[in-house]
Protein backbone atom coordinates (compact mmCIF):
# COMPACT_ATOMS: atom_id res chain seq x y z
CA MET A 1 69.63 83.91 100.25
CA GLY A 2 72.81 81.54 99.68
CA GLU A 3 72.98 77.84 100.59
CA TRP A 4 74.49 75.84 103.67
CA ILE A 5 78.18 75.27 103.32
CA GLY A 6 78.56 73.70 106.78
CA MET A 7 76.90 73.55 110.19
CA GLY A 8 75.21 77.06 110.82
CA ARG A 9 76.89 78.85 107.90
CA ARG A 10 75.29 79.63 104.72
CA ALA A 11 76.97 81.11 101.71
CA ARG A 12 75.71 83.50 98.67
CA ARG A 13 76.52 82.15 95.24
CA CYS A 14 78.36 85.12 93.23
CA TYR A 15 79.19 85.37 89.53
CA GLY A 16 82.04 86.53 87.30
CA PHE A 17 82.31 87.31 83.79
CA ASP A 18 82.85 84.07 82.75
CA GLU A 19 79.87 82.55 84.42
CA ILE A 20 77.24 84.72 82.54
CA ALA A 21 75.98 85.78 78.98
CA LEU A 22 73.99 88.40 77.47
CA VAL A 23 70.73 87.80 75.72
CA PRO A 24 69.53 89.69 72.63
CA GLY A 25 65.92 90.99 72.91
CA ASN A 26 63.28 91.87 70.01
CA GLN A 27 64.92 94.62 68.42
CA THR A 28 68.65 95.63 67.09
CA ILE A 29 70.25 98.84 66.43
CA ASN A 30 72.69 100.05 64.16
CA PRO A 31 76.08 100.03 65.95
CA ALA A 32 77.00 103.27 64.75
CA GLU A 33 74.08 104.92 66.27
CA VAL A 34 74.24 103.83 69.73
CA ASP A 35 75.24 106.36 72.56
CA THR A 36 78.16 105.00 74.66
CA SER A 37 78.62 108.13 76.55
CA PHE A 38 78.55 108.67 80.32
CA GLU A 39 79.04 111.54 82.59
CA LEU A 40 81.66 112.17 85.56
CA GLY A 41 80.78 115.11 87.38
CA LYS A 42 79.56 117.54 84.85
CA ARG A 43 81.60 116.16 82.00
CA LYS A 44 80.64 113.95 79.30
CA PHE A 45 82.84 111.33 77.81
CA ARG A 46 82.10 109.29 74.49
CA VAL A 47 84.46 106.85 75.67
CA PRO A 48 83.09 105.19 78.88
CA ILE A 49 86.28 103.10 79.59
CA LEU A 50 89.14 104.54 82.15
CA ALA A 51 92.43 103.73 82.37
CA ALA A 52 93.68 102.50 85.70
CA ALA A 53 96.18 104.48 87.79
CA MET A 54 98.96 102.25 87.41
CA ASP A 55 102.61 102.99 86.68
CA GLY A 56 102.77 100.55 83.82
CA VAL A 57 99.86 101.86 82.09
CA VAL A 58 99.47 105.80 82.64
CA ASP A 59 101.81 108.32 82.48
CA THR A 60 101.28 112.03 81.44
CA LYS A 61 101.82 111.35 77.56
CA PHE A 62 99.46 108.22 77.78
CA ALA A 63 96.70 110.51 79.87
CA VAL A 64 96.99 113.07 77.01
CA THR A 65 96.50 110.73 74.21
CA MET A 66 93.61 109.09 76.27
CA SER A 67 91.97 112.33 76.76
CA LYS A 68 92.17 113.14 72.71
CA LEU A 69 90.34 109.75 72.24
CA ASN A 70 87.77 111.04 74.69
CA GLY A 71 88.31 108.64 77.19
CA LEU A 72 90.03 109.38 80.83
CA ALA A 73 93.21 107.92 82.19
CA VAL A 74 94.15 108.52 85.89
CA ILE A 75 97.79 109.16 86.95
CA ASN A 76 99.06 107.44 90.05
CA LEU A 77 100.38 110.35 92.71
CA ASP A 78 102.01 107.57 94.85
CA GLY A 79 104.05 105.95 92.05
CA VAL A 80 107.38 106.80 90.08
CA GLN A 81 105.90 109.68 88.35
CA THR A 82 105.94 111.65 91.70
CA ARG A 83 109.20 109.66 93.26
CA TYR A 84 111.71 110.32 90.28
CA ASP A 85 112.17 113.44 88.02
CA ASN A 86 112.83 110.94 85.24
CA PRO A 87 110.81 108.11 85.82
CA GLU A 88 111.32 106.77 82.22
CA SER A 89 114.88 105.07 83.31
CA VAL A 90 113.10 103.53 86.29
CA LEU A 91 110.31 101.94 84.42
CA ALA A 92 112.81 100.40 82.25
CA LYS A 93 114.69 99.17 84.91
CA ILE A 94 111.43 97.22 86.11
CA ALA A 95 110.79 96.14 82.66
CA SER A 96 114.27 94.47 82.49
CA ALA A 97 114.29 92.47 85.75
CA SER A 98 113.94 88.99 85.72
CA PRO A 99 111.06 87.34 87.37
CA GLN A 100 112.75 86.37 90.53
CA GLU A 101 113.89 89.66 90.99
CA ALA A 102 110.98 92.09 89.97
CA THR A 103 108.84 92.34 93.27
CA GLU A 104 111.99 93.18 95.62
CA LEU A 105 113.36 95.53 92.88
CA ILE A 106 109.97 97.14 92.78
CA GLN A 107 109.62 97.47 96.42
CA GLU A 108 113.02 99.13 96.71
CA ILE A 109 112.02 101.64 94.04
CA TYR A 110 108.94 102.83 95.76
CA THR A 111 110.79 103.55 99.09
CA LYS A 112 112.14 106.84 97.48
CA PRO A 113 110.14 109.69 99.34
CA ILE A 114 107.40 111.43 97.08
CA LYS A 115 108.48 114.58 95.55
CA GLU A 116 105.20 116.93 96.12
CA LYS A 117 106.76 119.10 93.68
CA LEU A 118 106.37 116.74 91.07
CA ILE A 119 102.59 116.64 91.79
CA ALA A 120 101.98 119.98 90.42
CA THR A 121 104.53 119.13 87.17
CA ARG A 122 102.79 116.11 86.21
CA VAL A 123 99.45 117.55 86.32
CA SER A 124 100.60 120.71 84.29
CA GLN A 125 102.21 118.61 81.89
CA ILE A 126 98.88 117.01 81.27
CA LYS A 127 97.07 120.10 80.98
CA ARG A 128 99.47 122.01 78.81
CA LYS A 129 99.00 119.46 76.23
CA GLY A 130 95.17 119.77 76.37
CA GLY A 131 94.79 116.57 78.38
CA ILE A 132 92.26 115.92 81.02
CA ALA A 133 94.25 115.65 84.37
CA ALA A 134 92.67 112.81 86.71
CA VAL A 135 95.11 111.87 89.72
CA SER A 136 94.84 109.13 92.48
CA CYS A 137 96.45 108.54 95.57
CA ILE A 138 95.59 106.39 98.99
CA PRO A 139 93.61 107.93 101.62
CA SER A 140 96.40 108.87 103.94
CA HIS A 141 97.77 111.35 101.21
CA ALA A 142 94.58 112.81 99.82
CA GLU A 143 94.44 115.90 102.29
CA ARG A 144 97.94 116.86 101.38
CA PHE A 145 98.15 115.87 97.65
CA ALA A 146 94.53 117.45 97.01
CA LYS A 147 95.61 120.89 97.76
CA ILE A 148 98.62 120.47 95.31
CA ALA A 149 96.86 118.96 92.53
CA VAL A 150 93.73 121.33 92.65
CA ALA A 151 96.12 124.26 92.54
CA ALA A 152 97.95 122.89 89.48
CA GLY A 153 94.62 122.47 87.56
CA ALA A 154 93.74 118.75 88.08
CA ASP A 155 90.13 117.84 86.88
CA TYR A 156 89.51 114.76 88.92
CA PHE A 157 90.82 113.55 92.43
CA VAL A 158 90.39 109.70 92.94
CA VAL A 159 91.08 108.29 96.67
CA GLN A 160 91.76 104.68 96.21
CA SER A 161 92.69 101.69 98.57
CA THR A 162 92.25 97.91 98.55
CA VAL A 163 89.06 98.21 100.44
CA THR A 164 87.68 101.55 101.28
CA SER A 165 84.68 102.32 103.76
CA THR A 166 83.39 105.26 105.74
CA LYS A 167 83.98 103.83 109.05
CA HIS A 168 87.55 103.40 109.19
CA ILE A 169 88.65 102.34 112.77
CA ALA A 170 92.48 103.38 113.85
CA LYS A 171 94.00 104.51 116.92
CA GLU A 172 97.49 104.63 115.41
CA TYR A 173 96.59 107.72 112.97
CA LYS A 174 93.68 109.88 111.95
CA SER A 175 91.85 108.30 109.00
CA LEU A 176 90.57 110.53 106.28
CA ASP A 177 86.99 111.98 106.98
CA LEU A 178 85.45 111.39 103.35
CA TYR A 179 82.51 113.48 103.80
CA ALA A 180 84.37 116.54 104.87
CA PHE A 181 86.98 115.92 102.15
CA CYS A 182 84.30 115.39 99.15
CA HIS A 183 82.50 118.60 100.27
CA LYS A 184 85.37 120.91 100.62
CA MET A 185 87.06 119.71 97.26
CA LYS A 186 86.38 122.04 94.26
CA ILE A 187 86.83 119.08 91.68
CA PRO A 188 84.73 115.72 91.58
CA VAL A 189 86.17 112.97 93.72
CA VAL A 190 86.15 109.59 93.10
CA VAL A 191 86.49 106.52 95.65
CA GLY A 192 87.07 103.17 95.85
CA ASN A 193 87.26 100.55 96.12
CA CYS A 194 84.23 98.37 97.34
CA VAL A 195 82.20 95.62 96.42
CA THR A 196 78.85 95.42 98.74
CA TYR A 197 75.35 97.09 98.54
CA GLY A 198 75.96 98.61 102.18
CA THR A 199 79.40 100.27 101.67
CA THR A 200 78.49 101.63 98.24
CA LEU A 201 75.25 103.22 99.82
CA ASP A 202 77.26 104.28 102.62
CA LEU A 203 80.10 105.86 100.39
CA MET A 204 77.49 107.87 98.26
CA SER A 205 76.51 109.63 100.97
CA THR A 206 79.62 111.45 101.28
CA GLY A 207 79.37 113.37 98.01
CA VAL A 208 81.57 111.26 95.60
CA ALA A 209 80.95 111.81 92.03
CA GLY A 210 81.81 108.28 91.17
CA LEU A 211 82.83 104.73 93.04
CA LEU A 212 85.03 102.30 91.65
CA ILE A 213 83.78 98.66 92.24
CA GLY A 214 86.19 95.58 92.60
CA ILE A 215 88.19 94.08 95.04
CA GLY A 216 90.96 91.88 93.54
CA PRO A 217 90.30 91.02 89.98
CA GLY A 218 92.86 92.80 88.10
CA ALA A 219 95.30 90.61 86.12
CA ALA A 220 98.30 91.80 88.46
CA CYS A 221 96.46 92.04 91.97
CA THR A 222 97.14 89.00 94.18
CA THR A 223 94.56 90.30 97.11
CA ARG A 224 92.31 87.52 96.79
CA GLY A 225 95.03 84.93 97.01
CA VAL A 226 97.22 86.99 99.63
CA LEU A 227 94.06 87.75 101.95
CA GLY A 228 91.31 85.53 100.54
CA ILE A 229 88.84 88.50 100.14
CA GLY A 230 86.86 89.63 97.34
CA VAL A 231 83.82 89.56 95.45
CA PRO A 232 83.33 88.24 91.58
CA GLN A 233 82.67 91.24 89.42
CA VAL A 234 79.20 90.52 87.90
CA THR A 235 77.54 90.28 91.59
CA ALA A 236 79.50 93.31 92.92
CA THR A 237 78.51 95.50 90.07
CA VAL A 238 74.76 94.45 90.19
CA ASP A 239 74.73 94.97 93.92
CA ALA A 240 76.47 98.36 93.65
CA ALA A 241 74.05 99.43 90.82
CA ALA A 242 71.24 98.68 93.06
CA ALA A 243 72.57 100.97 95.73
CA ARG A 244 73.22 103.52 92.97
CA ASP A 245 69.46 103.43 91.99
CA PHE A 246 68.13 103.36 95.51
CA TYR A 247 70.48 106.41 96.36
CA PHE A 248 69.24 108.27 93.27
CA LYS A 249 65.28 107.53 94.11
CA ARG A 250 65.73 108.69 97.49
CA THR A 251 68.08 111.89 96.98
CA GLY A 252 67.64 112.50 93.15
CA LYS A 253 71.56 112.62 92.73
CA TYR A 254 73.10 110.06 90.45
CA VAL A 255 76.35 108.70 91.34
CA THR A 256 78.64 107.09 88.60
CA ILE A 257 79.42 103.28 89.08
CA ILE A 258 82.80 102.42 87.47
CA THR A 259 83.61 98.57 87.58
CA ASP A 260 87.38 98.36 88.23
CA GLY A 261 89.19 95.41 86.99
CA GLY A 262 88.98 91.80 85.77
CA MET A 263 88.16 92.73 82.26
CA ASN A 264 90.67 92.06 79.22
CA ARG A 265 88.31 91.37 76.48
CA GLY A 266 85.21 93.22 74.82
CA GLY A 267 82.93 90.55 75.98
CA ASP A 268 83.69 91.27 79.58
CA ILE A 269 83.38 94.94 79.40
CA CYS A 270 79.66 94.50 77.80
CA LYS A 271 78.77 92.27 80.76
CA ALA A 272 80.07 94.90 83.20
CA PHE A 273 77.39 97.40 81.52
CA ALA A 274 74.82 94.69 81.45
CA SER A 275 75.73 94.26 85.01
CA GLY A 276 74.89 97.86 85.80
CA ALA A 277 78.09 99.90 85.29
CA ASP A 278 78.09 103.39 83.99
CA ALA A 279 81.63 103.05 83.15
CA VAL A 280 84.50 100.52 83.60
CA MET A 281 88.25 101.00 84.57
CA ILE A 282 90.98 98.74 83.16
CA GLY A 283 94.51 98.34 83.19
CA SER A 284 95.95 95.25 81.62
CA SER A 285 94.39 95.86 78.27
CA PHE A 286 95.63 99.38 78.06
CA ALA A 287 99.48 98.17 79.51
CA ARG A 288 99.84 96.46 76.13
CA ALA A 289 99.80 99.69 74.40
CA LYS A 290 102.71 101.08 72.44
CA GLU A 291 102.14 104.04 74.57
CA ALA A 292 102.02 102.50 77.91
CA PRO A 293 105.06 103.44 79.79
CA GLY A 294 105.42 99.87 81.45
CA GLY A 295 107.10 98.60 78.12
CA GLY A 296 104.85 95.50 78.08
CA TYR A 297 105.00 94.87 81.68
CA HIS A 298 102.11 95.42 84.33
CA TRP A 299 102.40 95.41 87.88
CA GLY A 300 99.45 95.56 90.78
CA MET A 301 99.36 98.82 92.73
CA ALA A 302 100.10 97.03 96.17
CA THR A 303 103.13 95.09 94.77
CA SER A 304 105.48 97.73 96.05
CA ASN A 305 104.22 96.97 99.64
CA VAL A 306 107.40 96.52 101.83
CA ASN A 307 105.57 94.23 104.48
CA LEU A 308 102.67 92.40 102.47
CA PRO A 309 102.73 92.89 98.70
CA ARG A 310 99.34 92.32 97.31
CA GLY A 311 100.26 92.33 93.66
CA THR A 312 102.90 91.24 90.97
CA ARG A 313 104.82 92.06 87.60
CA ILE A 314 103.32 90.18 84.87
CA TYR A 315 104.19 90.26 81.18
CA VAL A 316 101.48 91.54 78.92
CA GLY A 317 103.33 92.45 75.73
CA THR A 318 102.93 95.17 73.37
CA THR A 319 99.88 94.44 70.48
CA GLY A 320 99.15 97.67 69.20
CA SER A 321 98.63 101.52 69.62
CA LEU A 322 96.14 102.99 72.25
CA LYS A 323 93.73 103.83 69.35
CA GLU A 324 93.77 100.31 68.28
CA ILE A 325 93.19 98.98 71.35
CA LEU A 326 90.31 101.35 72.08
CA LEU A 327 88.89 102.09 68.55
CA GLY A 328 90.57 99.59 66.29
CA PRO A 329 91.09 98.43 63.71
CA ALA A 330 91.63 95.19 65.67
CA ARG A 331 94.94 93.27 64.42
CA VAL A 332 94.42 90.28 66.70
CA ASP A 333 91.65 87.76 67.28
CA ASP A 334 91.34 87.41 71.03
CA GLY A 335 88.96 90.58 71.76
CA SER A 336 91.52 92.54 73.47
CA GLN A 337 91.48 95.31 70.77
CA ASN A 338 88.84 97.64 69.52
CA LEU A 339 87.01 97.58 72.86
CA MET A 340 84.51 100.24 71.93
CA GLY A 341 83.67 98.52 68.67
CA ALA A 342 83.14 95.67 70.46
CA LEU A 343 80.80 97.66 72.99
CA LYS A 344 79.06 99.33 70.14
CA THR A 345 78.23 96.01 68.35
CA SER A 346 77.23 94.51 71.38
CA MET A 347 74.90 97.24 72.03
CA GLY A 348 73.49 97.12 68.52
CA SER A 349 72.85 93.33 68.89
CA LEU A 350 71.03 93.68 72.22
CA GLY A 351 68.80 96.54 71.12
CA ALA A 352 70.19 98.94 73.73
CA ALA A 353 70.46 102.53 72.38
CA ASN A 354 72.55 103.77 75.47
CA ILE A 355 74.32 102.63 78.48
CA LYS A 356 71.09 102.89 80.60
CA GLU A 357 69.52 100.75 78.39
CA MET A 358 72.43 98.21 78.64
CA HIS A 359 71.58 97.96 82.34
CA ASP A 360 68.12 96.23 81.49
CA VAL A 361 69.30 93.65 79.03
CA GLU A 362 68.39 90.09 79.80
CA ILE A 363 71.63 88.19 81.59
CA ILE A 364 71.74 84.64 81.83
CA ILE A 365 73.98 82.04 83.91
CA ALA A 366 76.12 80.16 81.30
CA PRO A 367 79.23 78.72 82.70
CA SER A 368 79.92 76.62 79.34
CA ILE A 369 79.52 80.08 77.35
CA GLN A 370 83.07 80.45 76.62
CA THR A 371 84.10 76.91 75.83
CA GLU A 372 81.08 75.49 74.08
CA GLY A 373 81.79 74.52 70.55
CA LYS A 374 85.32 76.12 70.89
CA ILE A 375 87.43 72.92 70.67
CA PHE A 376 89.43 73.71 67.88
CA GLN A 377 90.15 77.50 69.26
CA VAL A 378 91.34 75.62 72.41
CA GLY A 379 93.57 72.86 70.77
CA GLN A 380 94.93 75.45 68.26
CA ARG A 381 95.33 78.24 70.92
CA VAL A 382 93.70 80.90 68.70
CA GLY A 383 91.06 83.42 69.40
CA MET A 384 89.41 83.26 72.63
CA GLY A 385 91.03 79.69 73.32
CA LYS A 386 94.59 81.31 73.99
């Protein structure tokens, strides 16, 4: 596979959402009658869209609201929610900082130590209001934080880092044994992030319930620019889905593939499912919700790194309620609201009765699909041409 890029080196062509389109088949379905549900662990969700574990997106109130809409929001145990008793004032300070001050301020804010008692507090706050508690942390904190979170009633535990593998080599510290960790956990474990067939297959053997797919595509992430690594999301998802299907045939265990990042419109989400995703995780679209704690601002999870930030703070604005963004009615024309309506309408137009049938729809390479015939939208900065 691939083509020559120079003497002795070949490179594979990979694809992102803007380079493909989905092709309708020989049947259509009433969008109201398609099944958008997916399973994670033994729980079924009607909304296959997760809110990312980012401080500008998810707090306890947001998590409860997302649960009541039959979706899932993940709260960051390495962030301000567990470092500060009253995170609202800290979040407001981040939102009010100038662009020049933002990164340094975030680095300073995140140097305050994590208060482990707040882990149980945040989980309990979600559970008391009837929400589903999904929590996330980096691998080095997983063993310690998991005990506290599970005891407090957490429903899902996410172990997340920029790049995850089963073979982490380190002499300076002891790395997390994912196999041992997953098998002793009493709740489903989701791990990320990865982008290749081989790594996906390796991680599935650890006993995870789900995998996050994507390195660097997020709106506030700068990993691709800082480190030069990443794979466009369509190719990454297709490869991960192929590993999932092979693993299922070999073991009978189906591991949920969650495409994480790079989607800010309904069409992107639909393309992720056509590429093989069982669910998607997004941040910037939800950061625009009235309920989002960032006040219209969104920052990458690695922005706070004191040595090498791999994220930035961006302004996304506040465009509507979480319900409007997720379920409509849409009040903007750029495809960033009523994401579930877009998914159902796309599935109906493609003749896909459920998410698994979306995996089989025809995909074409179409780099002009976003601009073909859209000269007035681009010129007037309306619709998709903004």
